């Protein structure tokens, strides 16, 4: 892997084309006062995965893509409160083949006599 920073955050806006706003929250203990401090930062990230609001995503730093965009969405960790399983991700990525049609055995041909016509009617 490379030396780029990877951070997990929550998508707060997706109104732009191929850009999302990700809020990064962190908590730490203040070195002098020993109180827990909560901070959050909002960054713009390039989005090719079509993230929705509320998704938890992993972003990775990149070269400057625009005036404010310096991050790229690497993967979606959780979709709107639903945890993604590895099997679901793999199943969604693979193209599933159509089920094969099962050939039913054809009924045996039996010889039948032509239907007899009543004697009183003309042919």
PDB file of N, CA and C in Angstrom:
ATOM      1  N   UNK A   1       0.836  -1.188   0.000  1.00  0.00           N
ATOM      2  CA  UNK A   1       0.000   0.000   0.000  1.00  0.00           C
ATOM      3  C   UNK A   1       0.868   1.234   0.000  1.00  0.00           C
ATOM      4  N   UNK A   2       0.278   2.334  -0.389  1.00  0.00           N
ATOM      5  CA  UNK A   2       1.043   3.576  -0.442  1.00  0.00           C
ATOM      6  C   UNK A   2       0.916   4.356   0.860  1.00  0.00           C
ATOM      7  N   UNK A   3       1.545   5.514   0.902  1.00  0.00           N
ATOM      8  CA  UNK A   3       1.625   6.312   2.119  1.00  0.00           C
ATOM      9  C   UNK A   3       0.477   7.316   2.253  1.00  0.00           C
ATOM     10  N   UNK A   4      -0.526   7.224   1.413  1.00  0.00           N
ATOM     11  CA  UNK A   4      -1.628   8.186   1.469  1.00  0.00           C
ATOM     12  C   UNK A   4      -2.490   7.951   2.703  1.00  0.00           C
ATOM     13  N   UNK A   5      -3.004   9.062   3.258  1.00  0.00           N
ATOM     14  CA  UNK A   5      -3.870   8.952   4.426  1.00  0.00           C
ATOM     15  C   UNK A   5      -5.235   8.422   4.014  1.00  0.00           C
ATOM     16  N   UNK A   6      -5.797   7.590   4.843  1.00  0.00           N
ATOM     17  CA  UNK A   6      -7.141   7.057   4.631  1.00  0.00           C
ATOM     18  C   UNK A   6      -7.968   7.348   5.879  1.00  0.00           C
ATOM     19  N   UNK A   7      -9.122   7.955   5.687  1.00  0.00           N
ATOM     20  CA  UNK A   7      -9.961   8.384   6.801  1.00  0.00           C
ATOM     21  C   UNK A   7     -11.386   7.932   6.536  1.00  0.00           C
ATOM     22  N   UNK A   8     -12.100   7.553   7.591  1.00  0.00           N
ATOM     23  CA  UNK A   8     -13.502   7.161   7.479  1.00  0.00           C
ATOM     24  C   UNK A   8     -14.371   8.319   7.931  1.00  0.00           C
ATOM     25  N   UNK A   9     -15.401   8.622   7.137  1.00  0.00           N
ATOM     26  CA  UNK A   9     -16.323   9.701   7.469  1.00  0.00           C
ATOM     27  C   UNK A   9     -17.718   9.395   6.966  1.00  0.00           C
ATOM     28  N   UNK A  10     -18.647  10.332   7.195  1.00  0.00           N
ATOM     29  CA  UNK A  10     -20.043  10.160   6.814  1.00  0.00           C
ATOM     30  C   UNK A  10     -20.396  11.190   5.747  1.00  0.00           C
ATOM     31  N   UNK A  11     -21.090  10.750   4.706  1.00  0.00           N
ATOM     32  CA  UNK A  11     -21.504  11.647   3.623  1.00  0.00           C
ATOM     33  C   UNK A  11     -22.637  12.526   4.130  1.00  0.00           C
ATOM     34  N   UNK A  12     -22.468  13.847   4.020  1.00  0.00           N
ATOM     35  CA  UNK A  12     -23.511  14.774   4.460  1.00  0.00           C
ATOM     36  C   UNK A  12     -24.203  15.476   3.294  1.00  0.00           C
ATOM     37  N   UNK A  13     -23.600  15.461   2.110  1.00  0.00           N
ATOM     38  CA  UNK A  13     -24.225  16.088   0.946  1.00  0.00           C
ATOM     39  C   UNK A  13     -23.732  15.404  -0.317  1.00  0.00           C
ATOM     40  N   UNK A  14     -24.667  15.207  -1.270  1.00  0.00           N
ATOM     41  CA  UNK A  14     -24.294  14.643  -2.567  1.00  0.00           C
ATOM     42  C   UNK A  14     -24.980  15.404  -3.699  1.00  0.00           C
ATOM     43  N   UNK A  15     -25.191  16.694  -3.516  1.00  0.00           N
ATOM     44  CA  UNK A  15     -25.918  17.496  -4.497  1.00  0.00           C
ATOM     45  C   UNK A  15     -25.084  17.853  -5.715  1.00  0.00           C
ATOM     46  N   UNK A  16     -23.771  17.720  -5.626  1.00  0.00           N
ATOM     47  CA  UNK A  16     -22.904  18.051  -6.749  1.00  0.00           C
ATOM     48  C   UNK A  16     -22.682  16.821  -7.621  1.00  0.00           C
ATOM     49  N   UNK A  17     -22.265  17.056  -8.848  1.00  0.00           N
ATOM     50  CA  UNK A  17     -21.993  15.938  -9.755  1.00  0.00           C
ATOM     51  C   UNK A  17     -20.611  15.381  -9.455  1.00  0.00           C
ATOM     52  N   UNK A  18     -20.541  14.082  -9.144  1.00  0.00           N
ATOM     53  CA  UNK A  18     -19.290  13.369  -8.863  1.00  0.00           C
ATOM     54  C   UNK A  18     -18.506  13.961  -7.705  1.00  0.00           C
ATOM     55  N   UNK A  19     -19.197  14.645  -6.788  1.00  0.00           N
ATOM     56  CA  UNK A  19     -18.551  15.195  -5.604  1.00  0.00           C
ATOM     57  C   UNK A  19     -19.484  15.015  -4.412  1.00  0.00           C
ATOM     58  N   UNK A  20     -18.929  14.600  -3.285  1.00  0.00           N
ATOM     59  CA  UNK A  20     -19.696  14.495  -2.054  1.00  0.00           C
ATOM     60  C   UNK A  20     -18.969  15.254  -0.960  1.00  0.00           C
ATOM     61  N   UNK A  21     -19.736  15.692   0.044  1.00  0.00           N
ATOM     62  CA  UNK A  21     -19.156  16.329   1.220  1.00  0.00           C
ATOM     63  C   UNK A  21     -19.134  15.275   2.315  1.00  0.00           C
ATOM     64  N   UNK A  22     -17.953  15.032   2.870  1.00  0.00           N
ATOM     65  CA  UNK A  22     -17.772  14.003   3.897  1.00  0.00           C
ATOM     66  C   UNK A  22     -17.391  14.694   5.196  1.00  0.00           C
ATOM     67  N   UNK A  23     -18.101  14.340   6.274  1.00  0.00           N
ATOM     68  CA  UNK A  23     -17.791  14.897   7.585  1.00  0.00           C
ATOM     69  C   UNK A  23     -16.952  13.895   8.357  1.00  0.00           C
ATOM     70  N   UNK A  24     -15.779  14.341   8.779  1.00  0.00           N
ATOM     71  CA  UNK A  24     -14.839  13.502   9.518  1.00  0.00           C
ATOM     72  C   UNK A  24     -14.890  13.939  10.975  1.00  0.00           C
ATOM     73  N   UNK A  25     -15.278  13.038  11.858  1.00  0.00           N
ATOM     74  CA  UNK A  25     -15.363  13.347  13.288  1.00  0.00           C
ATOM     75  C   UNK A  25     -14.262  12.599  14.022  1.00  0.00           C
ATOM     76  N   UNK A  26     -13.665  13.290  14.988  1.00  0.00           N
ATOM     77  CA  UNK A  26     -12.665  12.629  15.816  1.00  0.00           C
ATOM     78  C   UNK A  26     -12.763  13.133  17.236  1.00  0.00           C
ATOM     79  N   UNK A  27     -12.412  12.291  18.171  1.00  0.00           N
ATOM     80  CA  UNK A  27     -12.418  12.633  19.591  1.00  0.00           C
ATOM     81  C   UNK A  27     -11.033  12.363  20.152  1.00  0.00           C
ATOM     82  N   UNK A  28     -10.570  13.252  21.022  1.00  0.00           N
ATOM     83  CA  UNK A  28      -9.264  13.063  21.646  1.00  0.00           C
ATOM     84  C   UNK A  28      -9.277  13.732  23.011  1.00  0.00           C
ATOM     85  N   UNK A  29      -8.352  13.331  23.853  1.00  0.00           N
ATOM     86  CA  UNK A  29      -8.242  13.904  25.182  1.00  0.00           C
ATOM     87  C   UNK A  29      -7.290  15.098  25.126  1.00  0.00           C
ATOM     88  N   UNK A  30      -7.725  16.218  25.679  1.00  0.00           N
ATOM     89  CA  UNK A  30      -6.905  17.429  25.673  1.00  0.00           C
ATOM     90  C   UNK A  30      -5.649  17.188  26.512  1.00  0.00           C
ATOM     91  N   UNK A  31      -4.481  17.563  25.970  1.00  0.00           N
ATOM     92  CA  UNK A  31      -3.239  17.230  26.681  1.00  0.00           C
ATOM     93  C   UNK A  31      -3.083  17.913  28.050  1.00  0.00           C
ATOM     94  N   UNK A  32      -3.616  19.124  28.203  1.00  0.00           N
ATOM     95  CA  UNK A  32      -3.445  19.840  29.465  1.00  0.00           C
ATOM     96  C   UNK A  32      -4.627  19.633  30.404  1.00  0.00           C
ATOM     97  N   UNK A  33      -5.840  19.799  29.888  1.00  0.00           N
ATOM     98  CA  UNK A  33      -7.031  19.771  30.737  1.00  0.00           C
ATOM     99  C   UNK A  33      -7.645  18.377  30.879  1.00  0.00           C
ATOM    100  N   UNK A  34      -7.169  17.410  30.120  1.00  0.00           N
ATOM    101  CA  UNK A  34      -7.623  16.017  30.199  1.00  0.00           C
ATOM    102  C   UNK A  34      -9.119  15.850  29.933  1.00  0.00           C
ATOM    103  N   UNK A  35      -9.698  16.770  29.245  1.00  0.00           N
ATOM    104  CA  UNK A  35     -11.113  16.676  28.900  1.00  0.00           C
ATOM    105  C   UNK A  35     -11.221  16.122  27.479  1.00  0.00           C
ATOM    106  N   UNK A  36     -12.280  15.347  27.198  1.00  0.00           N
ATOM    107  CA  UNK A  36     -12.474  14.787  25.865  1.00  0.00           C
ATOM    108  C   UNK A  36     -13.014  15.879  24.952  1.00  0.00           C
ATOM    109  N   UNK A  37     -12.327  16.072  23.844  1.00  0.00           N
ATOM    110  CA  UNK A  37     -12.708  17.099  22.882  1.00  0.00           C
ATOM    111  C   UNK A  37     -13.195  16.404  21.615  1.00  0.00           C
ATOM    112  N   UNK A  38     -14.363  16.837  21.101  1.00  0.00           N
ATOM    113  CA  UNK A  38     -14.918  16.295  19.864  1.00  0.00           C
ATOM    114  C   UNK A  38     -14.781  17.353  18.779  1.00  0.00           C
ATOM    115  N   UNK A  39     -14.171  16.984  17.672  1.00  0.00           N
ATOM    116  CA  UNK A  39     -14.050  17.911  16.556  1.00  0.00           C
ATOM    117  C   UNK A  39     -14.571  17.239  15.294  1.00  0.00           C
ATOM    118  N   UNK A  40     -15.001  18.059  14.346  1.00  0.00           N
ATOM    119  CA  UNK A  40     -15.430  17.516  13.060  1.00  0.00           C
ATOM    120  C   UNK A  40     -14.943  18.448  11.964  1.00  0.00           C
ATOM    121  N   UNK A  41     -14.697  17.871  10.820  1.00  0.00           N
ATOM    122  CA  UNK A  41     -14.195  18.627   9.682  1.00  0.00           C
ATOM    123  C   UNK A  41     -14.934  18.138   8.453  1.00  0.00           C
ATOM    124  N   UNK A  42     -15.291  19.044   7.564  1.00  0.00           N
ATOM    125  CA  UNK A  42     -16.002  18.683   6.338  1.00  0.00           C
ATOM    126  C   UNK A  42     -15.074  18.894   5.158  1.00  0.00           C
ATOM    127  N   UNK A  43     -14.938  17.844   4.340  1.00  0.00           N
ATOM    128  CA  UNK A  43     -14.087  17.924   3.153  1.00  0.00           C
ATOM    129  C   UNK A  43     -14.890  17.473   1.948  1.00  0.00           C
ATOM    130  N   UNK A  44     -14.472  17.940   0.773  1.00  0.00           N
ATOM    131  CA  UNK A  44     -15.105  17.510  -0.471  1.00  0.00           C
ATOM    132  C   UNK A  44     -14.273  16.380  -1.060  1.00  0.00           C
ATOM    133  N   UNK A  45     -14.973  15.353  -1.561  1.00  0.00           N
ATOM    134  CA  UNK A  45     -14.295  14.183  -2.103  1.00  0.00           C
ATOM    135  C   UNK A  45     -14.894  13.820  -3.449  1.00  0.00           C
ATOM    136  N   UNK A  46     -14.033  13.325  -4.341  1.00  0.00           N
ATOM    137  CA  UNK A  46     -14.477  12.864  -5.665  1.00  0.00           C
ATOM    138  C   UNK A  46     -15.198  11.531  -5.497  1.00  0.00           C
ATOM    139  N   UNK A  47     -16.369  11.397  -6.133  1.00  0.00           N
ATOM    140  CA  UNK A  47     -17.213  10.224  -5.932  1.00  0.00           C
ATOM    141  C   UNK A  47     -17.549   9.570  -7.256  1.00  0.00           C
ATOM    142  N   UNK A  48     -17.014   8.362  -7.489  1.00  0.00           N
ATOM    143  CA  UNK A  48     -17.368   7.567  -8.665  1.00  0.00           C
ATOM    144  C   UNK A  48     -18.298   6.422  -8.283  1.00  0.00           C
ATOM    145  N   UNK A  49     -18.561   6.228  -6.981  1.00  0.00           N
ATOM    146  CA  UNK A  49     -19.352   5.096  -6.505  1.00  0.00           C
ATOM    147  C   UNK A  49     -20.808   5.461  -6.248  1.00  0.00           C
ATOM    148  N   UNK A  50     -21.212   6.695  -6.516  1.00  0.00           N
ATOM    149  CA  UNK A  50     -22.573   7.206  -6.291  1.00  0.00           C
ATOM    150  C   UNK A  50     -23.028   6.980  -4.852  1.00  0.00           C
ATOM    151  N   UNK A  51     -22.386   7.659  -3.929  1.00  0.00           N
ATOM    152  CA  UNK A  51     -22.718   7.571  -2.512  1.00  0.00           C
ATOM    153  C   UNK A  51     -24.006   8.335  -2.227  1.00  0.00           C
ATOM    154  N   UNK A  52     -24.699   7.918  -1.176  1.00  0.00           N
ATOM    155  CA  UNK A  52     -25.919   8.582  -0.741  1.00  0.00           C
ATOM    156  C   UNK A  52     -25.661   9.246   0.604  1.00  0.00           C
ATOM    157  N   UNK A  53     -26.547  10.165   0.989  1.00  0.00           N
ATOM    158  CA  UNK A  53     -26.407  10.848   2.275  1.00  0.00           C
ATOM    159  C   UNK A  53     -26.566   9.812   3.390  1.00  0.00           C
ATOM    160  N   UNK A  54     -25.666   9.850   4.358  1.00  0.00           N
ATOM    161  CA  UNK A  54     -25.699   8.916   5.474  1.00  0.00           C
ATOM    162  C   UNK A  54     -24.759   7.741   5.313  1.00  0.00           C
ATOM    163  N   UNK A  55     -24.206   7.534   4.125  1.00  0.00           N
ATOM    164  CA  UNK A  55     -23.266   6.438   3.916  1.00  0.00           C
ATOM    165  C   UNK A  55     -21.967   6.709   4.667  1.00  0.00           C
ATOM    166  N   UNK A  56     -21.397   5.661   5.242  1.00  0.00           N
ATOM    167  CA  UNK A  56     -20.084   5.774   5.861  1.00  0.00           C
ATOM    168  C   UNK A  56     -19.069   5.338   4.819  1.00  0.00           C
ATOM    169  N   UNK A  57     -18.125   6.221   4.490  1.00  0.00           N
ATOM    170  CA  UNK A  57     -17.189   5.957   3.406  1.00  0.00           C
ATOM    171  C   UNK A  57     -15.755   6.093   3.884  1.00  0.00           C
ATOM    172  N   UNK A  58     -14.850   5.416   3.170  1.00  0.00           N
ATOM    173  CA  UNK A  58     -13.419   5.570   3.413  1.00  0.00           C
ATOM    174  C   UNK A  58     -12.884   6.433   2.281  1.00  0.00           C
ATOM    175  N   UNK A  59     -12.228   7.537   2.636  1.00  0.00           N
ATOM    176  CA  UNK A  59     -11.667   8.434   1.633  1.00  0.00           C
ATOM    177  C   UNK A  59     -10.148   8.398   1.732  1.00  0.00           C
ATOM    178  N   UNK A  60      -9.499   8.662   0.605  1.00  0.00           N
ATOM    179  CA  UNK A  60      -8.046   8.635   0.533  1.00  0.00           C
ATOM    180  C   UNK A  60      -7.586   9.946  -0.094  1.00  0.00           C
ATOM    181  N   UNK A  61      -6.490  10.501   0.419  1.00  0.00           N
ATOM    182  CA  UNK A  61      -6.015  11.769  -0.118  1.00  0.00           C
ATOM    183  C   UNK A  61      -5.438  11.562  -1.516  1.00  0.00           C
ATOM    184  N   UNK A  62      -5.528  12.604  -2.341  1.00  0.00           N
ATOM    185  CA  UNK A  62      -5.055  12.509  -3.722  1.00  0.00           C
ATOM    186  C   UNK A  62      -4.476  13.858  -4.133  1.00  0.00           C
ATOM    187  N   UNK A  63      -4.082  13.933  -5.387  1.00  0.00           N
ATOM    188  CA  UNK A  63      -3.610  15.213  -5.919  1.00  0.00           C
ATOM    189  C   UNK A  63      -4.799  16.169  -5.985  1.00  0.00           C
ATOM    190  N   UNK A  64      -4.582  17.463  -6.062  1.00  0.00           N
ATOM    191  CA  UNK A  64      -5.697  18.401  -6.169  1.00  0.00           C
ATOM    192  C   UNK A  64      -6.497  18.162  -7.457  1.00  0.00           C
ATOM    193  N   UNK A  65      -7.780  17.888  -7.301  1.00  0.00           N
ATOM    194  CA  UNK A  65      -8.652  17.644  -8.444  1.00  0.00           C
ATOM    195  C   UNK A  65      -9.416  18.899  -8.850  1.00  0.00           C
ATOM    196  N   UNK A  66      -9.619  19.807  -7.904  1.00  0.00           N
ATOM    197  CA  UNK A  66     -10.255  21.092  -8.190  1.00  0.00           C
ATOM    198  C   UNK A  66      -9.805  22.065  -7.100  1.00  0.00           C
ATOM    199  N   UNK A  67     -10.465  23.197  -7.020  1.00  0.00           N
ATOM    200  CA  UNK A  67     -10.067  24.224  -6.060  1.00  0.00           C
ATOM    201  C   UNK A  67     -10.142  23.711  -4.616  1.00  0.00           C
ATOM    202  N   UNK A  68     -11.184  22.932  -4.289  1.00  0.00           N
ATOM    203  CA  UNK A  68     -11.356  22.448  -2.916  1.00  0.00           C
ATOM    204  C   UNK A  68     -11.258  20.933  -2.779  1.00  0.00           C
ATOM    205  N   UNK A  69     -11.222  20.202  -3.869  1.00  0.00           N
ATOM    206  CA  UNK A  69     -11.293  18.742  -3.814  1.00  0.00           C
ATOM    207  C   UNK A  69      -9.896  18.136  -3.765  1.00  0.00           C
ATOM    208  N   UNK A  70      -9.578  17.465  -2.617  1.00  0.00           N
ATOM    209  CA  UNK A  70      -8.275  16.837  -2.435  1.00  0.00           C
ATOM    210  C   UNK A  70      -8.392  15.386  -1.990  1.00  0.00           C
ATOM    211  N   UNK A  71      -9.604  14.849  -1.976  1.00  0.00           N
ATOM    212  CA  UNK A  71      -9.858  13.497  -1.499  1.00  0.00           C
ATOM    213  C   UNK A  71     -10.667  12.731  -2.531  1.00  0.00           C
ATOM    214  N   UNK A  72     -10.576  11.387  -2.494  1.00  0.00           N
ATOM    215  CA  UNK A  72     -11.326  10.505  -3.395  1.00  0.00           C
ATOM    216  C   UNK A  72     -11.988   9.422  -2.545  1.00  0.00           C
ATOM    217  N   UNK A  73     -13.254   9.117  -2.844  1.00  0.00           N
ATOM    218  CA  UNK A  73     -13.949   8.038  -2.131  1.00  0.00           C
ATOM    219  C   UNK A  73     -13.355   6.714  -2.595  1.00  0.00           C
ATOM    220  N   UNK A  74     -12.791   5.960  -1.648  1.00  0.00           N
ATOM    221  CA  UNK A  74     -12.164   4.683  -1.983  1.00  0.00           C
ATOM    222  C   UNK A  74     -13.166   3.536  -1.909  1.00  0.00           C
ATOM    223  N   UNK A  75     -13.968   3.503  -0.842  1.00  0.00           N
ATOM    224  CA  UNK A  75     -14.965   2.440  -0.711  1.00  0.00           C
ATOM    225  C   UNK A  75     -16.086   2.899   0.208  1.00  0.00           C
ATOM    226  N   UNK A  76     -17.230   2.233   0.071  1.00  0.00           N
ATOM    227  CA  UNK A  76     -18.366   2.497   0.945  1.00  0.00           C
ATOM    228  C   UNK A  76     -18.328   1.443   2.043  1.00  0.00           C
ATOM    229  N   UNK A  77     -18.161   1.901   3.278  1.00  0.00           N
ATOM    230  CA  UNK A  77     -18.059   0.984   4.409  1.00  0.00           C
ATOM    231  C   UNK A  77     -19.447   0.516   4.827  1.00  0.00           C
ATOM    232  N   UNK A  78     -20.403   1.441   4.898  1.00  0.00           N
ATOM    233  CA  UNK A  78     -21.754   1.111   5.344  1.00  0.00           C
ATOM    234  C   UNK A  78     -22.740   1.976   4.573  1.00  0.00           C
ATOM    235  N   UNK A  79     -23.812   1.371   4.081  1.00  0.00           N
ATOM    236  CA  UNK A  79     -24.841   2.092   3.326  1.00  0.00           C
ATOM    237  C   UNK A  79     -25.982   2.503   4.237  1.00  0.00           C
ATOM    238  N   UNK A  80     -26.177   3.770   4.461  1.00  0.00           N
ATOM    239  CA  UNK A  80     -27.293   4.348   5.204  1.00  0.00           C
ATOM    240  C   UNK A  80     -27.715   3.513   6.400  1.00  0.00           C
ATOM    241  N   UNK A  81     -26.781   3.186   7.250  1.00  0.00           N
ATOM    242  CA  UNK A  81     -27.085   2.454   8.462  1.00  0.00           C
ATOM    243  C   UNK A  81     -27.089   0.948   8.307  1.00  0.00           C
ATOM    244  N   UNK A  82     -26.867   0.426   7.112  1.00  0.00           N
ATOM    245  CA  UNK A  82     -26.834  -1.015   6.883  1.00  0.00           C
ATOM    246  C   UNK A  82     -25.391  -1.426   6.637  1.00  0.00           C
ATOM    247  N   UNK A  83     -24.930  -2.408   7.378  1.00  0.00           N
ATOM    248  CA  UNK A  83     -23.558  -2.884   7.182  1.00  0.00           C
ATOM    249  C   UNK A  83     -23.494  -3.734   5.922  1.00  0.00           C
ATOM    250  N   UNK A  84     -22.485  -3.513   5.108  1.00  0.00           N
ATOM    251  CA  UNK A  84     -22.295  -4.313   3.905  1.00  0.00           C
ATOM    252  C   UNK A  84     -21.486  -5.553   4.253  1.00  0.00           C
ATOM    253  N   UNK A  85     -21.958  -6.697   3.806  1.00  0.00           N
ATOM    254  CA  UNK A  85     -21.212  -7.926   3.994  1.00  0.00           C
ATOM    255  C   UNK A  85     -20.311  -8.134   2.791  1.00  0.00           C
ATOM    256  N   UNK A  86     -19.232  -8.836   2.983  1.00  0.00           N
ATOM    257  CA  UNK A  86     -18.301  -9.093   1.889  1.00  0.00           C
ATOM    258  C   UNK A  86     -18.994  -9.884   0.794  1.00  0.00           C
ATOM    259  N   UNK A  87     -19.839 -10.848   1.183  1.00  0.00           N
ATOM    260  CA  UNK A  87     -20.533 -11.663   0.186  1.00  0.00           C
ATOM    261  C   UNK A  87     -21.452 -10.794  -0.672  1.00  0.00           C
ATOM    262  N   UNK A  88     -22.148  -9.804  -0.042  1.00  0.00           N
ATOM    263  CA  UNK A  88     -23.047  -8.930  -0.792  1.00  0.00           C
ATOM    264  C   UNK A  88     -22.270  -8.078  -1.790  1.00  0.00           C
ATOM    265  N   UNK A  89     -21.106  -7.591  -1.373  1.00  0.00           N
ATOM    266  CA  UNK A  89     -20.300  -6.769  -2.256  1.00  0.00           C
ATOM    267  C   UNK A  89     -19.798  -7.589  -3.442  1.00  0.00           C
ATOM    268  N   UNK A  90     -19.350  -8.807  -3.174  1.00  0.00           N
ATOM    269  CA  UNK A  90     -18.859  -9.665  -4.249  1.00  0.00           C
ATOM    270  C   UNK A  90     -20.004 -10.059  -5.170  1.00  0.00           C
ATOM    271  N   UNK A  91     -21.153 -10.394  -4.585  1.00  0.00           N
ATOM    272  CA  UNK A  91     -22.305 -10.804  -5.389  1.00  0.00           C
ATOM    273  C   UNK A  91     -22.792  -9.657  -6.262  1.00  0.00           C
ATOM    274  N   UNK A  92     -22.734  -8.430  -5.768  1.00  0.00           N
ATOM    275  CA  UNK A  92     -23.179  -7.289  -6.557  1.00  0.00           C
ATOM    276  C   UNK A  92     -22.213  -7.003  -7.700  1.00  0.00           C
ATOM    277  N   UNK A  93     -20.936  -7.295  -7.494  1.00  0.00           N
ATOM    278  CA  UNK A  93     -19.943  -7.003  -8.518  1.00  0.00           C
ATOM    279  C   UNK A  93     -19.943  -8.042  -9.637  1.00  0.00           C
ATOM    280  N   UNK A  94     -20.294  -9.276  -9.300  1.00  0.00           N
ATOM    281  CA  UNK A  94     -20.265 -10.336 -10.304  1.00  0.00           C
ATOM    282  C   UNK A  94     -21.537 -10.305 -11.145  1.00  0.00           C
ATOM    283  N   UNK A  95     -21.407 -10.718 -12.375  1.00  0.00           N
ATOM    284  CA  UNK A  95     -22.567 -10.850 -13.241  1.00  0.00           C
ATOM    285  C   UNK A  95     -23.077 -12.273 -13.085  1.00  0.00           C
ATOM    286  N   UNK A  96     -24.324 -12.365 -12.653  1.00  0.00           N
ATOM    287  CA  UNK A  96     -24.880 -13.686 -12.416  1.00  0.00           C
ATOM    288  C   UNK A  96     -25.427 -14.247 -13.715  1.00  0.00           C
ATOM    289  N   UNK A  97     -25.093 -15.491 -14.051  1.00  0.00           N
ATOM    290  CA  UNK A  97     -25.623 -16.084 -15.278  1.00  0.00           C
ATOM    291  C   UNK A  97     -27.103 -16.404 -15.107  1.00  0.00           C
ATOM    292  N   UNK A  98     -27.800 -16.400 -16.222  1.00  0.00           N
ATOM    293  CA  UNK A  98     -29.220 -16.727 -16.177  1.00  0.00           C
ATOM    294  C   UNK A  98     -29.369 -18.215 -15.907  1.00  0.00           C
ATOM    295  N   UNK A  99     -30.411 -18.594 -15.158  1.00  0.00           N
ATOM    296  CA  UNK A  99     -30.579 -20.016 -14.878  1.00  0.00           C
ATOM    297  C   UNK A  99     -30.858 -20.794 -16.157  1.00  0.00           C
ATOM    298  N   UNK A 100     -30.287 -21.978 -16.239  1.00  0.00           N
ATOM    299  CA  UNK A 100     -30.452 -22.791 -17.434  1.00  0.00           C
ATOM    300  C   UNK A 100     -31.843 -23.418 -17.435  1.00  0.00           C
ATOM    301  N   UNK A 101     -32.412 -23.516 -18.622  1.00  0.00           N
ATOM    302  CA  UNK A 101     -33.719 -24.144 -18.725  1.00  0.00           C
ATOM    303  C   UNK A 101     -33.527 -25.659 -18.735  1.00  0.00           C
ATOM    304  N   UNK A 102     -34.327 -26.326 -17.952  1.00  0.00           N
ATOM    305  CA  UNK A 102     -34.237 -27.777 -17.857  1.00  0.00           C
ATOM    306  C   UNK A 102     -35.119 -28.368 -18.953  1.00  0.00           C
ATOM    307  N   UNK A 103     -34.546 -29.238 -19.763  1.00  0.00           N
ATOM    308  CA  UNK A 103     -35.301 -29.870 -20.840  1.00  0.00           C
ATOM    309  C   UNK A 103     -36.131 -31.005 -20.260  1.00  0.00           C
ATOM    310  N   UNK A 104     -37.443 -30.891 -20.410  1.00  0.00           N
ATOM    311  CA  UNK A 104     -38.330 -31.933 -19.923  1.00  0.00           C
ATOM    312  C   UNK A 104     -38.395 -33.050 -20.959  1.00  0.00           C
ATOM    313  N   UNK A 105     -38.492 -34.289 -20.515  1.00  0.00           N
ATOM    314  CA  UNK A 105     -38.599 -35.371 -21.486  1.00  0.00           C
ATOM    315  C   UNK A 105     -39.928 -35.275 -22.240  1.00  0.00           C
ATOM    316  N   UNK A 106     -39.856 -35.510 -23.541  1.00  0.00           N
ATOM    317  CA  UNK A 106     -41.065 -35.421 -24.352  1.00  0.00           C
ATOM    318  C   UNK A 106     -41.912 -36.675 -24.140  1.00  0.00           C
ATOM    319  N   UNK A 107     -43.248 -36.507 -24.148  1.00  0.00           N
ATOM    320  CA  UNK A 107     -44.093 -37.685 -23.964  1.00  0.00           C
ATOM    321  C   UNK A 107     -43.937 -38.632 -25.147  1.00  0.00           C
ATOM    322  N   UNK A 108     -44.053 -39.916 -24.866  1.00  0.00           N
ATOM    323  CA  UNK A 108     -43.881 -40.924 -25.917  1.00  0.00           C
ATOM    324  C   UNK A 108     -45.031 -40.832 -26.920  1.00  0.00           C
ATOM    325  N   UNK A 109     -44.682 -40.976 -28.178  1.00  0.00           N
ATOM    326  CA  UNK A 109     -45.712 -40.923 -29.222  1.00  0.00           C
ATOM    327  C   UNK A 109     -46.444 -42.255 -29.253  1.00  0.00           C
ATOM    328  N   UNK A 110     -47.746 -42.225 -29.154  1.00  0.00           N
ATOM    329  CA  UNK A 110     -48.559 -43.438 -29.221  1.00  0.00           C
ATOM    330  C   UNK A 110     -49.418 -43.368 -30.472  1.00  0.00           C
ATOM    331  N   UNK A 111     -49.569 -44.490 -31.072  1.00  0.00           N
ATOM    332  CA  UNK A 111     -50.383 -44.527 -32.283  1.00  0.00           C
ATOM    333  C   UNK A 111     -51.846 -44.571 -31.883  1.00  0.00           C
ATOM    334  N   UNK A 112     -52.577 -43.638 -32.427  1.00  0.00           N
ATOM    335  CA  UNK A 112     -54.004 -43.603 -32.140  1.00  0.00           C
ATOM    336  C   UNK A 112     -54.763 -43.761 -33.436  1.00  0.00           C
ATOM    337  N   UNK A 113     -55.858 -44.429 -33.363  1.00  0.00           N
ATOM    338  CA  UNK A 113     -56.692 -44.629 -34.558  1.00  0.00           C
ATOM    339  C   UNK A 113     -57.411 -43.326 -34.859  1.00  0.00           C
ATOM    340  N   UNK A 114     -57.593 -42.986 -36.138  1.00  0.00           N
ATOM    341  CA  UNK A 114     -58.333 -41.769 -36.443  1.00  0.00           C
ATOM    342  C   UNK A 114     -59.738 -41.868 -35.883  1.00  0.00           C
ATOM    343  N   UNK A 115     -60.263 -40.738 -35.538  1.00  0.00           N
ATOM    344  CA  UNK A 115     -61.594 -40.706 -34.943  1.00  0.00           C
ATOM    345  C   UNK A 115     -62.615 -41.230 -35.943  1.00  0.00           C
ATOM    346  N   UNK A 116     -63.452 -42.126 -35.471  1.00  0.00           N
ATOM    347  CA  UNK A 116     -64.459 -42.698 -36.362  1.00  0.00           C
ATOM    348  C   UNK A 116     -65.622 -41.731 -36.503  1.00  0.00           C
ATOM    349  N   UNK A 117     -66.096 -41.637 -37.706  1.00  0.00           N
ATOM    350  CA  UNK A 117     -67.231 -40.761 -37.952  1.00  0.00           C
ATOM    351  C   UNK A 117     -68.528 -41.555 -37.787  1.00  0.00           C
ATOM    352  N   UNK A 118     -69.529 -40.909 -37.341  1.00  0.00           N
ATOM    353  CA  UNK A 118     -70.828 -41.602 -37.253  1.00  0.00           C
ATOM    354  C   UNK A 118     -71.293 -41.995 -38.646  1.00  0.00           C
ATOM    355  N   UNK A 119     -72.070 -43.087 -38.737  1.00  0.00           N
ATOM    356  CA  UNK A 119     -72.448 -43.634 -40.023  1.00  0.00           C
ATOM    357  C   UNK A 119     -73.458 -42.808 -40.763  1.00  0.00           C
ATOM    358  N   UNK A 120     -74.259 -42.047 -40.093  1.00  0.00           N
ATOM    359  CA  UNK A 120     -75.319 -41.314 -40.753  1.00  0.00           C
ATOM    360  C   UNK A 120     -74.867 -40.026 -41.433  1.00  0.00           C
ATOM    361  N   UNK A 121     -73.677 -39.530 -41.158  1.00  0.00           N
ATOM    362  CA  UNK A 121     -73.253 -38.231 -41.716  1.00  0.00           C
ATOM    363  C   UNK A 121     -72.379 -38.454 -42.946  1.00  0.00           C
ATOM    364  N   UNK A 122     -72.535 -37.568 -43.958  1.00  0.00           N
ATOM    365  CA  UNK A 122     -71.678 -37.689 -45.141  1.00  0.00           C
ATOM    366  C   UNK A 122     -70.267 -37.219 -44.832  1.00  0.00           C
ATOM    367  N   UNK A 123     -69.372 -37.667 -45.687  1.00  0.00           N
ATOM    368  CA  UNK A 123     -67.984 -37.290 -45.504  1.00  0.00           C
ATOM    369  C   UNK A 123     -67.687 -35.946 -46.076  1.00  0.00           C
TER     370      UNK A 123
END
